[in-house]
N, C-alpha and C. Protein backbone atom coordinates (compact mmCIF):
# COMPACT_ATOMS: atom_id res chain seq x y z
N UNK A 1 0.85 -1.58 -0.22
CA UNK A 1 -0.31 0.20 0.25
C UNK A 1 0.71 0.73 0.02
N UNK A 2 1.00 1.75 -0.86
CA UNK A 2 1.63 2.96 -0.42
C UNK A 2 0.55 4.40 0.10
N UNK A 3 2.05 5.28 0.05
CA UNK A 3 1.39 6.16 1.18
C UNK A 3 0.57 7.05 1.27
N UNK A 4 0.17 7.64 -0.05
CA UNK A 4 -1.19 8.41 0.23
C UNK A 4 -2.31 7.09 0.10
N UNK A 5 -2.78 6.40 -0.27
CA UNK A 5 -3.29 5.02 0.04
C UNK A 5 -3.79 5.80 2.03
N UNK A 6 -2.36 5.28 2.39
CA UNK A 6 -2.64 5.08 3.91
C UNK A 6 -3.26 6.87 4.99
N UNK A 7 -2.87 7.99 4.11
CA UNK A 7 -3.16 8.62 3.99
C UNK A 7 -4.41 8.72 4.33
N UNK A 8 -4.70 8.92 2.64
CA UNK A 8 -7.04 8.81 2.85
C UNK A 8 -7.73 7.83 3.36
N UNK A 9 -6.71 6.57 3.70
CA UNK A 9 -7.10 6.39 4.65
C UNK A 9 -7.89 6.64 5.94
N UNK A 10 -6.37 7.28 6.02
CA UNK A 10 -6.72 7.46 7.79
C UNK A 10 -7.13 8.86 7.59
N UNK A 11 -7.78 9.41 7.10
CA UNK A 11 -8.81 10.63 7.20
C UNK A 11 -9.68 10.87 6.91
N UNK A 12 -10.34 9.44 6.13
CA UNK A 12 -11.46 9.01 6.44
C UNK A 12 -12.07 8.38 8.10
N UNK A 13 -11.10 7.54 8.04
CA UNK A 13 -11.04 7.63 9.70
C UNK A 13 -11.67 8.08 10.47
N UNK A 14 -10.68 9.27 10.43
CA UNK A 14 -11.09 10.58 11.11
C UNK A 14 -11.92 11.11 11.62
N UNK A 15 -12.66 11.49 9.63
CA UNK A 15 -14.11 11.71 9.32
C UNK A 15 -15.16 11.18 10.52
N UNK A 16 -14.67 9.89 10.01
CA UNK A 16 -16.27 9.07 10.35
C UNK A 16 -16.23 8.41 12.04
N UNK A 17 -15.01 8.72 12.27
CA UNK A 17 -14.99 8.32 13.88
C UNK A 17 -15.60 9.57 14.72
N UNK A 18 -14.93 11.27 14.07
CA UNK A 18 -16.02 12.41 14.39
C UNK A 18 -17.67 12.56 14.32
N UNK A 19 -18.03 11.78 13.30
CA UNK A 19 -19.22 11.94 12.88
C UNK A 19 -19.68 10.45 13.73
N UNK A 20 -19.07 9.70 13.91
CA UNK A 20 -20.06 8.51 15.75
C UNK A 20 -20.11 9.33 16.41
N UNK A 21 -19.06 9.73 17.17
CA UNK A 21 -19.05 10.37 18.00
C UNK A 21 -19.90 11.65 18.17
N UNK A 22 -20.56 12.72 17.28
CA UNK A 22 -21.08 13.76 17.45
C UNK A 22 -23.03 13.29 17.11
N UNK A 23 -23.15 11.62 16.87
CA UNK A 23 -24.21 11.83 15.87
C UNK A 23 -25.04 11.03 17.35
N UNK A 24 -25.89 11.67 17.79
CA UNK A 24 -26.15 11.48 18.93
C UNK A 24 -27.90 11.29 19.23
N UNK A 25 -28.41 11.61 17.35
CA UNK A 25 -29.94 11.61 17.38
C UNK A 25 -29.51 10.48 16.37
N UNK A 26 -28.63 10.05 15.84
CA UNK A 26 -29.24 8.33 15.48
C UNK A 26 -29.44 9.02 14.29
N UNK A 27 -28.49 9.78 13.43
CA UNK A 27 -29.46 10.53 12.12
C UNK A 27 -28.43 9.40 11.29
N UNK A 28 -29.16 9.57 9.98
CA UNK A 28 -28.48 9.04 8.48
C UNK A 28 -27.34 9.87 7.91
N UNK A 29 -26.29 8.81 7.22
CA UNK A 29 -25.64 9.49 6.90
C UNK A 29 -24.97 10.22 5.91
N UNK A 30 -25.35 11.30 4.76
CA UNK A 30 -25.03 11.41 3.31
C UNK A 30 -23.86 11.07 2.50
N UNK A 31 -23.02 10.14 2.34
CA UNK A 31 -21.78 10.00 1.73
C UNK A 31 -22.04 10.26 0.44
N UNK A 32 -20.75 10.95 -0.26
CA UNK A 32 -20.41 10.92 -1.27
C UNK A 32 -18.85 10.58 -1.59
N UNK A 33 -18.89 9.67 -2.72
CA UNK A 33 -17.91 8.95 -3.77
C UNK A 33 -18.08 9.31 -4.42
N UNK A 34 -16.68 10.31 -5.23
CA UNK A 34 -16.40 11.04 -6.85
C UNK A 34 -15.20 10.35 -7.11
N UNK A 35 -15.42 9.38 -8.39
CA UNK A 35 -14.55 9.01 -9.29
C UNK A 35 -13.64 10.09 -10.01
N UNK A 36 -12.84 10.25 -11.38
CA UNK A 36 -12.41 10.81 -12.15
C UNK A 36 -13.59 11.46 -12.84
N UNK A 37 -14.86 10.29 -13.34
CA UNK A 37 -16.17 10.76 -14.26
C UNK A 37 -16.64 10.86 -13.94
N UNK A 38 -17.41 10.56 -12.38
CA UNK A 38 -18.67 10.36 -12.30
C UNK A 38 -18.71 10.74 -10.55
N UNK A 39 -19.95 10.59 -10.14
CA UNK A 39 -19.72 11.53 -8.86
C UNK A 39 -21.28 10.40 -8.38
N UNK A 40 -20.98 10.19 -7.14
CA UNK A 40 -22.26 9.16 -6.42
C UNK A 40 -22.38 10.27 -4.69
N UNK A 41 -24.19 9.57 -4.17
CA UNK A 41 -24.44 9.82 -3.52
C UNK A 41 -24.87 9.00 -2.74
N UNK A 42 -24.70 8.97 -2.08
CA UNK A 42 -26.00 7.57 -0.66
C UNK A 42 -26.59 7.94 0.27
N UNK A 43 -27.49 7.93 1.00
CA UNK A 43 -27.88 8.31 2.17
C UNK A 43 -28.04 6.60 3.42
N UNK A 44 -27.55 6.73 4.28
CA UNK A 44 -27.10 4.60 4.65
C UNK A 44 -28.10 5.32 6.47
N UNK A 45 -28.24 4.96 6.91
CA UNK A 45 -28.61 4.19 8.27
C UNK A 45 -28.15 3.31 8.76
N UNK A 46 -27.51 3.55 9.43
CA UNK A 46 -25.85 2.94 9.64
C UNK A 46 -26.21 2.30 11.04
N UNK A 47 -28.08 2.44 11.56
CA UNK A 47 -28.29 1.59 12.51
C UNK A 47 -29.28 0.38 12.69
N UNK A 48 -29.85 0.78 11.40
CA UNK A 48 -30.25 -0.60 9.91
C UNK A 48 -29.24 -1.39 9.40
N UNK A 49 -28.62 -0.54 9.40
CA UNK A 49 -27.34 -1.02 8.27
C UNK A 49 -27.72 -1.33 6.33
N UNK A 50 -28.86 0.06 6.50
CA UNK A 50 -29.68 -0.17 5.21
C UNK A 50 -29.15 1.58 4.40
N UNK A 51 -29.04 0.76 2.91
CA UNK A 51 -29.09 2.34 2.34
C UNK A 51 -30.34 2.62 1.83
N UNK A 52 -30.47 4.17 2.27
CA UNK A 52 -32.06 4.22 1.95
C UNK A 52 -32.35 5.19 0.69
N UNK A 53 -31.98 5.58 0.56
CA UNK A 53 -31.60 6.07 -0.96
C UNK A 53 -29.72 6.73 -1.89
N UNK A 54 -30.31 6.48 -2.89
CA UNK A 54 -28.96 6.88 -3.74
C UNK A 54 -29.37 7.73 -4.48
N UNK A 55 -28.09 8.20 -5.22
CA UNK A 55 -28.18 9.08 -6.61
C UNK A 55 -26.65 8.85 -7.19
N UNK A 56 -26.94 9.28 -8.44
CA UNK A 56 -25.64 8.62 -8.50
C UNK A 56 -25.07 10.12 -10.96
N UNK A 57 -24.69 10.24 -11.01
CA UNK A 57 -24.80 10.77 -12.10
C UNK A 57 -24.66 10.10 -13.40
N UNK A 58 -24.97 8.72 -13.16
CA UNK A 58 -24.62 7.56 -14.38
C UNK A 58 -26.14 7.28 -14.45
N UNK A 59 -27.23 8.00 -14.01
CA UNK A 59 -28.39 7.24 -14.18
C UNK A 59 -28.42 8.27 -15.50
N UNK A 60 -29.72 7.97 -16.62
CA UNK A 60 -29.67 7.75 -17.37
C UNK A 60 -30.96 9.11 -17.65
N UNK A 61 -31.56 9.31 -16.86
CA UNK A 61 -31.91 11.25 -17.19
C UNK A 61 -30.69 12.13 -16.72
N UNK A 62 -29.64 11.62 -15.75
CA UNK A 62 -29.26 12.66 -15.62
C UNK A 62 -27.85 12.56 -16.94
N UNK A 63 -27.71 11.80 -17.34
CA UNK A 63 -26.62 11.56 -18.54
C UNK A 63 -27.10 12.63 -19.83
N UNK A 64 -28.92 12.31 -19.67
CA UNK A 64 -29.73 13.36 -21.31
C UNK A 64 -29.42 14.38 -20.85
N UNK A 65 -29.47 15.60 -19.72
CA UNK A 65 -29.42 16.75 -19.55
C UNK A 65 -28.33 17.32 -18.90
N UNK A 66 -27.02 16.55 -18.30
CA UNK A 66 -25.70 16.46 -17.92
C UNK A 66 -24.81 16.74 -19.41
N UNK A 67 -23.76 17.90 -19.51
CA UNK A 67 -22.46 17.10 -20.32
C UNK A 67 -21.30 16.52 -19.70
N UNK A 68 -21.23 16.44 -18.70
CA UNK A 68 -20.35 15.61 -18.13
C UNK A 68 -20.76 15.23 -16.91
N UNK A 69 -20.29 13.63 -16.64
CA UNK A 69 -20.69 13.70 -15.11
C UNK A 69 -19.48 13.96 -13.93
N UNK A 70 -18.75 14.85 -14.90
CA UNK A 70 -17.26 15.38 -13.64
C UNK A 70 -17.16 16.68 -13.13
N UNK A 71 -18.18 17.45 -13.87
CA UNK A 71 -18.26 18.87 -13.10
C UNK A 71 -19.37 18.96 -11.85
N UNK A 72 -18.87 20.59 -11.72
CA UNK A 72 -20.13 20.68 -10.66
C UNK A 72 -21.65 21.00 -11.34
N UNK A 73 -21.76 20.78 -12.45
CA UNK A 73 -23.17 21.05 -12.34
C UNK A 73 -23.68 19.79 -12.46
N UNK A 74 -22.92 19.19 -12.69
CA UNK A 74 -23.85 16.77 -12.08
C UNK A 74 -23.74 17.44 -10.33
N UNK A 75 -22.89 17.90 -9.59
CA UNK A 75 -22.55 17.31 -8.21
C UNK A 75 -23.69 17.63 -8.06
N UNK A 76 -24.23 19.40 -8.37
CA UNK A 76 -25.28 20.17 -8.14
C UNK A 76 -26.55 19.00 -8.74
N UNK A 77 -26.62 18.34 -9.20
CA UNK A 77 -28.09 17.91 -10.01
C UNK A 77 -28.01 16.37 -9.01
N UNK A 78 -26.60 15.91 -8.71
CA UNK A 78 -26.98 14.89 -7.78
C UNK A 78 -27.55 14.77 -6.62
N UNK A 79 -26.89 16.10 -6.37
CA UNK A 79 -27.29 16.58 -5.13
C UNK A 79 -28.46 16.79 -4.82
N UNK A 80 -28.97 17.24 -4.95
CA UNK A 80 -30.79 17.70 -5.22
C UNK A 80 -31.77 16.51 -5.54
N UNK A 81 -31.14 15.49 -6.58
CA UNK A 81 -31.49 14.52 -6.61
C UNK A 81 -31.81 13.55 -5.14
N UNK A 82 -30.70 13.40 -5.17
CA UNK A 82 -30.73 12.45 -3.45
C UNK A 82 -31.34 13.24 -2.54
N UNK A 83 -32.12 14.59 -2.52
CA UNK A 83 -32.49 15.90 -1.64
C UNK A 83 -34.03 14.64 -2.26
N UNK A 84 -34.40 14.95 -2.95
CA UNK A 84 -35.79 15.21 -3.69
C UNK A 84 -36.51 13.15 -3.00
N UNK A 85 -35.19 12.07 -3.74
CA UNK A 85 -35.72 11.24 -3.21
C UNK A 85 -35.83 11.22 -1.63
N UNK A 86 -34.74 11.29 -0.22
CA UNK A 86 -35.12 11.64 0.41
C UNK A 86 -35.97 12.36 1.09
N UNK A 87 -36.23 13.10 0.72
CA UNK A 87 -37.74 13.24 1.16
C UNK A 87 -39.22 12.38 0.97
N UNK A 88 -38.78 11.86 -0.26
CA UNK A 88 -40.00 11.09 -0.74
C UNK A 88 -39.91 9.80 0.51
N UNK A 89 -38.46 9.36 0.96
CA UNK A 89 -38.13 8.57 2.22
C UNK A 89 -38.50 8.51 3.63
N UNK A 90 -39.21 10.16 3.45
CA UNK A 90 -39.45 10.33 4.85
C UNK A 90 -37.97 11.22 5.59
N UNK A 91 -36.96 11.02 4.69
CA UNK A 91 -35.79 12.17 5.71
C UNK A 91 -35.59 13.36 4.95
N UNK A 92 -35.06 14.19 6.60
CA UNK A 92 -35.23 15.82 5.68
C UNK A 92 -33.67 16.13 6.79
N UNK A 93 -33.23 15.20 7.89
CA UNK A 93 -32.35 16.11 8.29
C UNK A 93 -30.71 14.49 8.39
N UNK A 94 -30.09 15.24 7.73
CA UNK A 94 -28.97 13.83 7.66
C UNK A 94 -27.46 14.51 8.36
N UNK A 95 -26.60 13.71 8.68
CA UNK A 95 -25.42 13.92 8.42
C UNK A 95 -24.60 14.06 7.51
N UNK A 96 -23.33 15.00 6.65
CA UNK A 96 -22.37 15.39 5.40
C UNK A 96 -21.90 14.03 6.00
N UNK A 97 -21.15 12.70 4.96
CA UNK A 97 -19.54 12.27 5.43
C UNK A 97 -18.82 12.70 4.03
N UNK A 98 -17.61 13.23 4.69
CA UNK A 98 -17.38 13.48 3.34
C UNK A 98 -16.45 12.81 2.57
N UNK A 99 -16.26 11.67 3.49
CA UNK A 99 -15.23 10.90 3.72
C UNK A 99 -13.43 11.28 3.74
N UNK A 100 -12.42 10.61 2.95
CA UNK A 100 -11.61 11.32 2.54
C UNK A 100 -11.36 12.35 1.78
N UNK A 101 -12.70 13.29 1.03
CA UNK A 101 -12.74 14.36 0.63
C UNK A 101 -12.65 15.37 1.35
N UNK A 102 -11.77 16.36 0.73
CA UNK A 102 -11.66 17.75 1.59
C UNK A 102 -12.87 18.46 0.89
N UNK A 103 -13.57 19.17 1.83
CA UNK A 103 -15.42 20.28 1.40
C UNK A 103 -14.26 20.91 0.67
N UNK A 104 -14.86 20.86 -1.14
CA UNK A 104 -13.86 21.82 -1.69
C UNK A 104 -14.95 21.66 -3.03
N UNK A 105 -15.03 21.96 -4.36
CA UNK A 105 -15.23 22.27 -5.39
C UNK A 105 -16.70 21.15 -5.25
N UNK A 106 -16.32 19.74 -5.93
CA UNK A 106 -17.75 19.31 -6.42
C UNK A 106 -18.53 18.21 -5.19
N UNK A 107 -17.73 17.82 -4.21
CA UNK A 107 -18.12 17.63 -2.63
C UNK A 107 -19.06 19.12 -2.01
N UNK A 108 -18.46 19.82 -2.35
CA UNK A 108 -18.75 21.10 -1.64
C UNK A 108 -20.32 21.25 -2.80
N UNK A 109 -20.07 20.73 -3.82
CA UNK A 109 -21.77 21.64 -4.78
C UNK A 109 -22.47 19.98 -4.38
N UNK A 110 -22.01 19.23 -4.94
CA UNK A 110 -23.36 18.35 -3.82
C UNK A 110 -24.08 18.36 -2.57
N UNK A 111 -22.94 19.46 -1.61
CA UNK A 111 -24.01 19.60 -0.20
C UNK A 111 -24.79 20.38 -0.72
N UNK A 112 -24.40 21.32 -1.40
CA UNK A 112 -25.03 23.02 -1.33
C UNK A 112 -26.51 22.27 -2.29
N UNK A 113 -26.44 21.28 -3.24
CA UNK A 113 -27.06 20.96 -4.19
C UNK A 113 -28.30 19.88 -3.10
N UNK A 114 -27.92 19.51 -2.20
CA UNK A 114 -28.52 18.94 -1.25
C UNK A 114 -29.20 19.91 -0.30
N UNK A 115 -28.96 20.77 -0.19
CA UNK A 115 -29.47 21.69 1.24
C UNK A 115 -30.53 22.45 0.22
N UNK A 116 -29.97 22.79 -1.49
CA UNK A 116 -31.26 23.61 -2.40
C UNK A 116 -32.50 22.40 -2.11
N UNK A 117 -32.43 21.00 -2.11
CA UNK A 117 -33.12 20.33 -2.44
C UNK A 117 -34.29 19.88 -1.06
N UNK A 118 -33.24 20.59 0.30
CA UNK A 118 -34.51 20.64 1.49
C UNK A 118 -33.89 19.98 3.07
N UNK A 119 -32.40 19.10 2.29
CA UNK A 119 -31.95 18.43 3.28
C UNK A 119 -31.49 19.44 4.38
N UNK A 120 -31.13 18.86 5.61
CA UNK A 120 -30.68 19.75 5.98
C UNK A 120 -29.80 18.82 7.23
N UNK A 121 -28.26 19.29 7.14
CA UNK A 121 -27.43 19.44 8.16
C UNK A 121 -26.07 20.38 8.05
């Protein structure tokens, strides 16, 4: 394993540990994964170990209206879509889990899109 991978894993563990310490209301968490070409988001209920809703830039309706799946516009759209699906599932409050990524660029855009869509965190 390279040094870069261990640093990413260490950062991810640190962020998740902090989230688990402050999550006293047992809120589901909104997790983000970004690759070089796409962005994915899902809301996970850790008490049950179940994914409640998910959205990504690979879905057919998203691909039709987006230029590419790897820009800020795609991240905002995925954030709004996951918020819309979460509201249908009865979820309004979540914790934002950025994983090993910095809160910047596409990750920040996804979070702002989810807030515009009606999620609060």
